[in-house]
Amino acid sequence: MRILLLGDYSNVHWTLAEGLRALGHEVCVVSDGDGWKNYRRDVDLKKICEISVTK
């Protein structure tokens, strides 16, 4: 199953994604890293937003 998790708070989505991947699912975590905590993610919204603002 393909799963998209948007946003992250306290690293819940990344932890959930790891468990789902271990079960054989395809998971993508999209977030800004929850500010200064800089949690892991597959797609970094912070960089996408910075590119959009500078154009």
PDB file of N, CA and C in Angstrom:
ATOM      1  N   MET A   1       0.842  -1.172   0.000  1.00  0.00           N
ATOM      2  CA  MET A   1       0.000   0.000   0.000  1.00  0.00           C
ATOM      3  C   MET A   1       0.891   1.240   0.000  1.00  0.00           C
ATOM      4  N   ARG A   2       0.494   2.256  -0.747  1.00  0.00           N
ATOM      5  CA  ARG A   2       1.224   3.517  -0.778  1.00  0.00           C
ATOM      6  C   ARG A   2       0.566   4.482   0.195  1.00  0.00           C
ATOM      7  N   ILE A   3       1.375   5.079   1.084  1.00  0.00           N
ATOM      8  CA  ILE A   3       0.862   5.933   2.148  1.00  0.00           C
ATOM      9  C   ILE A   3       1.624   7.253   2.160  1.00  0.00           C
ATOM     10  N   LEU A   4       0.889   8.363   2.261  1.00  0.00           N
ATOM     11  CA  LEU A   4       1.479   9.693   2.357  1.00  0.00           C
ATOM     12  C   LEU A   4       1.126  10.267   3.724  1.00  0.00           C
ATOM     13  N   LEU A   5       2.145  10.649   4.486  1.00  0.00           N
ATOM     14  CA  LEU A   5       1.945  11.270   5.800  1.00  0.00           C
ATOM     15  C   LEU A   5       2.391  12.727   5.702  1.00  0.00           C
ATOM     16  N   LEU A   6       1.466  13.660   5.974  1.00  0.00           N
ATOM     17  CA  LEU A   6       1.759  15.089   5.871  1.00  0.00           C
ATOM     18  C   LEU A   6       1.965  15.699   7.245  1.00  0.00           C
ATOM     19  N   GLY A   7       3.033  16.477   7.371  1.00  0.00           N
ATOM     20  CA  GLY A   7       3.332  17.127   8.648  1.00  0.00           C
ATOM     21  C   GLY A   7       3.945  16.146   9.632  1.00  0.00           C
ATOM     22  N   ASP A   8       4.474  16.666  10.699  1.00  0.00           N
ATOM     23  CA  ASP A   8       5.027  15.804  11.749  1.00  0.00           C
ATOM     24  C   ASP A   8       5.109  16.597  13.037  1.00  0.00           C
ATOM     25  N   TYR A   9       4.783  15.948  14.124  1.00  0.00           N
ATOM     26  CA  TYR A   9       4.866  16.568  15.439  1.00  0.00           C
ATOM     27  C   TYR A   9       5.430  15.521  16.384  1.00  0.00           C
ATOM     28  N   SER A  10       6.499  15.840  17.043  1.00  0.00           N
ATOM     29  CA  SER A  10       7.166  14.922  17.971  1.00  0.00           C
ATOM     30  C   SER A  10       7.628  13.640  17.294  1.00  0.00           C
ATOM     31  N   ASN A  11       7.907  13.718  15.999  1.00  0.00           N
ATOM     32  CA  ASN A  11       8.464  12.605  15.238  1.00  0.00           C
ATOM     33  C   ASN A  11       7.511  11.415  15.102  1.00  0.00           C
ATOM     34  N   VAL A  12       6.224  11.636  15.330  1.00  0.00           N
ATOM     35  CA  VAL A  12       5.235  10.555  15.260  1.00  0.00           C
ATOM     36  C   VAL A  12       5.150   9.978  13.851  1.00  0.00           C
ATOM     37  N   HIS A  13       5.073  10.832  12.832  1.00  0.00           N
ATOM     38  CA  HIS A  13       4.914  10.319  11.472  1.00  0.00           C
ATOM     39  C   HIS A  13       6.137   9.542  11.003  1.00  0.00           C
ATOM     40  N   TRP A  14       7.322  10.007  11.355  1.00  0.00           N
ATOM     41  CA  TRP A  14       8.518   9.275  10.918  1.00  0.00           C
ATOM     42  C   TRP A  14       8.583   7.906  11.589  1.00  0.00           C
ATOM     43  N   THR A  15       8.244   7.847  12.866  1.00  0.00           N
ATOM     44  CA  THR A  15       8.238   6.580  13.590  1.00  0.00           C
ATOM     45  C   THR A  15       7.178   5.645  13.007  1.00  0.00           C
ATOM     46  N   LEU A  16       5.998   6.176  12.714  1.00  0.00           N
ATOM     47  CA  LEU A  16       4.936   5.385  12.093  1.00  0.00           C
ATOM     48  C   LEU A  16       5.384   4.891  10.724  1.00  0.00           C
ATOM     49  N   ALA A  17       6.028   5.750   9.960  1.00  0.00           N
ATOM     50  CA  ALA A  17       6.505   5.376   8.635  1.00  0.00           C
ATOM     51  C   ALA A  17       7.507   4.221   8.712  1.00  0.00           C
ATOM     52  N   GLU A  18       8.405   4.257   9.678  1.00  0.00           N
ATOM     53  CA  GLU A  18       9.374   3.169   9.822  1.00  0.00           C
ATOM     54  C   GLU A  18       8.674   1.836  10.086  1.00  0.00           C
ATOM     55  N   GLY A  19       7.665   1.854  10.945  1.00  0.00           N
ATOM     56  CA  GLY A  19       6.918   0.631  11.232  1.00  0.00           C
ATOM     57  C   GLY A  19       6.160   0.131  10.018  1.00  0.00           C
ATOM     58  N   LEU A  20       5.532   1.049   9.290  1.00  0.00           N
ATOM     59  CA  LEU A  20       4.790   0.656   8.090  1.00  0.00           C
ATOM     60  C   LEU A  20       5.721   0.122   7.004  1.00  0.00           C
ATOM     61  N   ARG A  21       6.892   0.725   6.880  1.00  0.00           N
ATOM     62  CA  ARG A  21       7.874   0.233   5.902  1.00  0.00           C
ATOM     63  C   ARG A  21       8.334  -1.179   6.263  1.00  0.00           C
ATOM     64  N   ALA A  22       8.504  -1.439   7.552  1.00  0.00           N
ATOM     65  CA  ALA A  22       8.908  -2.778   7.997  1.00  0.00           C
ATOM     66  C   ALA A  22       7.842  -3.818   7.641  1.00  0.00           C
ATOM     67  N   LEU A  23       6.596  -3.369   7.531  1.00  0.00           N
ATOM     68  CA  LEU A  23       5.492  -4.266   7.158  1.00  0.00           C
ATOM     69  C   LEU A  23       5.324  -4.369   5.641  1.00  0.00           C
ATOM     70  N   GLY A  24       6.189  -3.664   4.892  1.00  0.00           N
ATOM     71  CA  GLY A  24       6.177  -3.773   3.436  1.00  0.00           C
ATOM     72  C   GLY A  24       5.423  -2.677   2.695  1.00  0.00           C
ATOM     73  N   HIS A  25       5.005  -1.637   3.388  1.00  0.00           N
ATOM     74  CA  HIS A  25       4.280  -0.544   2.737  1.00  0.00           C
ATOM     75  C   HIS A  25       5.261   0.494   2.196  1.00  0.00           C
ATOM     76  N   GLU A  26       4.827   1.235   1.191  1.00  0.00           N
ATOM     77  CA  GLU A  26       5.608   2.335   0.628  1.00  0.00           C
ATOM     78  C   GLU A  26       5.090   3.622   1.274  1.00  0.00           C
ATOM     79  N   VAL A  27       5.946   4.309   2.041  1.00  0.00           N
ATOM     80  CA  VAL A  27       5.518   5.465   2.825  1.00  0.00           C
ATOM     81  C   VAL A  27       6.380   6.676   2.492  1.00  0.00           C
ATOM     82  N   CYS A  28       5.730   7.835   2.384  1.00  0.00           N
ATOM     83  CA  CYS A  28       6.433   9.096   2.159  1.00  0.00           C
ATOM     84  C   CYS A  28       5.997  10.083   3.239  1.00  0.00           C
ATOM     85  N   VAL A  29       6.977  10.635   3.970  1.00  0.00           N
ATOM     86  CA  VAL A  29       6.701  11.635   5.000  1.00  0.00           C
ATOM     87  C   VAL A  29       7.076  13.003   4.444  1.00  0.00           C
ATOM     88  N   VAL A  30       6.091  13.918   4.429  1.00  0.00           N
ATOM     89  CA  VAL A  30       6.294  15.275   3.917  1.00  0.00           C
ATOM     90  C   VAL A  30       6.076  16.243   5.071  1.00  0.00           C
ATOM     91  N   SER A  31       7.105  16.993   5.439  1.00  0.00           N
ATOM     92  CA  SER A  31       6.961  17.960   6.538  1.00  0.00           C
ATOM     93  C   SER A  31       8.057  19.008   6.465  1.00  0.00           C
ATOM     94  N   ASP A  32       7.990  19.952   7.405  1.00  0.00           N
ATOM     95  CA  ASP A  32       9.032  20.976   7.495  1.00  0.00           C
ATOM     96  C   ASP A  32      10.051  20.635   8.576  1.00  0.00           C
ATOM     97  N   GLY A  33       9.918  19.467   9.194  1.00  0.00           N
ATOM     98  CA  GLY A  33      10.860  19.039  10.222  1.00  0.00           C
ATOM     99  C   GLY A  33      10.502  19.495  11.616  1.00  0.00           C
ATOM    100  N   ASP A  34       9.337  20.136  11.778  1.00  0.00           N
ATOM    101  CA  ASP A  34       8.862  20.647  13.061  1.00  0.00           C
ATOM    102  C   ASP A  34       9.825  21.672  13.661  1.00  0.00           C
ATOM    103  N   GLY A  35      10.152  22.652  12.832  1.00  0.00           N
ATOM    104  CA  GLY A  35      10.971  23.774  13.308  1.00  0.00           C
ATOM    105  C   GLY A  35      12.401  23.396  13.655  1.00  0.00           C
ATOM    106  N   TRP A  36      12.876  23.899  14.779  1.00  0.00           N
ATOM    107  CA  TRP A  36      14.283  23.701  15.177  1.00  0.00           C
ATOM    108  C   TRP A  36      14.606  22.241  15.475  1.00  0.00           C
ATOM    109  N   LYS A  37      13.588  21.395  15.677  1.00  0.00           N
ATOM    110  CA  LYS A  37      13.836  19.975  15.986  1.00  0.00           C
ATOM    111  C   LYS A  37      14.396  19.237  14.778  1.00  0.00           C
ATOM    112  N   ASN A  38      14.044  19.706  13.575  1.00  0.00           N
ATOM    113  CA  ASN A  38      14.586  19.167  12.331  1.00  0.00           C
ATOM    114  C   ASN A  38      14.436  17.647  12.229  1.00  0.00           C
ATOM    115  N   TYR A  39      13.213  17.159  12.438  1.00  0.00           N
ATOM    116  CA  TYR A  39      12.955  15.722  12.339  1.00  0.00           C
ATOM    117  C   TYR A  39      13.175  15.226  10.917  1.00  0.00           C
ATOM    118  N   ARG A  40      13.481  13.951  10.795  1.00  0.00           N
ATOM    119  CA  ARG A  40      13.709  13.338   9.493  1.00  0.00           C
ATOM    120  C   ARG A  40      12.421  13.342   8.677  1.00  0.00           C
ATOM    121  N   ARG A  41      12.571  13.442   7.348  1.00  0.00           N
ATOM    122  CA  ARG A  41      11.439  13.404   6.434  1.00  0.00           C
ATOM    123  C   ARG A  41      11.952  13.066   5.044  1.00  0.00           C
ATOM    124  N   ASP A  42      11.044  12.603   4.197  1.00  0.00           N
ATOM    125  CA  ASP A  42      11.415  12.256   2.827  1.00  0.00           C
ATOM    126  C   ASP A  42      11.373  13.490   1.922  1.00  0.00           C
ATOM    127  N   VAL A  43      10.391  14.340   2.117  1.00  0.00           N
ATOM    128  CA  VAL A  43      10.266  15.582   1.344  1.00  0.00           C
ATOM    129  C   VAL A  43      10.253  16.740   2.327  1.00  0.00           C
ATOM    130  N   ASP A  44      11.165  17.686   2.113  1.00  0.00           N
ATOM    131  CA  ASP A  44      11.331  18.817   3.023  1.00  0.00           C
ATOM    132  C   ASP A  44      10.520  20.016   2.540  1.00  0.00           C
ATOM    133  N   LEU A  45       9.406  20.302   3.196  1.00  0.00           N
ATOM    134  CA  LEU A  45       8.569  21.444   2.821  1.00  0.00           C
ATOM    135  C   LEU A  45       9.271  22.775   3.052  1.00  0.00           C
ATOM    136  N   LYS A  46      10.170  22.808   4.004  1.00  0.00           N
ATOM    137  CA  LYS A  46      10.884  24.049   4.293  1.00  0.00           C
ATOM    138  C   LYS A  46      11.677  24.508   3.067  1.00  0.00           C
ATOM    139  N   LYS A  47      12.366  23.592   2.414  1.00  0.00           N
ATOM    140  CA  LYS A  47      13.153  23.939   1.231  1.00  0.00           C
ATOM    141  C   LYS A  47      12.252  24.320   0.071  1.00  0.00           C
ATOM    142  N   ILE A  48      11.116  23.639  -0.090  1.00  0.00           N
ATOM    143  CA  ILE A  48      10.186  23.959  -1.170  1.00  0.00           C
ATOM    144  C   ILE A  48       9.624  25.360  -0.967  1.00  0.00           C
ATOM    145  N   CYS A  49       9.284  25.704   0.265  1.00  0.00           N
ATOM    146  CA  CYS A  49       8.750  27.038   0.559  1.00  0.00           C
ATOM    147  C   CYS A  49       9.800  28.120   0.341  1.00  0.00           C
ATOM    148  N   GLU A  50      11.040  27.863   0.705  1.00  0.00           N
ATOM    149  CA  GLU A  50      12.108  28.845   0.508  1.00  0.00           C
ATOM    150  C   GLU A  50      12.333  29.102  -0.970  1.00  0.00           C
ATOM    151  N   ILE A  51      12.254  28.071  -1.789  1.00  0.00           N
ATOM    152  CA  ILE A  51      12.427  28.235  -3.238  1.00  0.00           C
ATOM    153  C   ILE A  51      11.293  29.071  -3.800  1.00  0.00           C
ATOM    154  N   SER A  52      10.065  28.815  -3.353  1.00  0.00           N
ATOM    155  CA  SER A  52       8.896  29.545  -3.843  1.00  0.00           C
ATOM    156  C   SER A  52       8.967  31.019  -3.481  1.00  0.00           C
ATOM    157  N   VAL A  53       9.451  31.330  -2.287  1.00  0.00           N
ATOM    158  CA  VAL A  53       9.515  32.720  -1.832  1.00  0.00           C
ATOM    159  C   VAL A  53      10.573  33.490  -2.588  1.00  0.00           C
ATOM    160  N   THR A  54      11.683  32.870  -2.931  1.00  0.00           N
ATOM    161  CA  THR A  54      12.781  33.574  -3.587  1.00  0.00           C
ATOM    162  C   THR A  54      12.507  33.823  -5.067  1.00  0.00           C
ATOM    163  N   LYS A  55      11.565  33.122  -5.664  1.00  0.00           N
ATOM    164  CA  LYS A  55      11.275  33.326  -7.098  1.00  0.00           C
ATOM    165  C   LYS A  55      10.446  34.537  -7.336  1.00  0.00           C
TER     166      LYS A  55
END
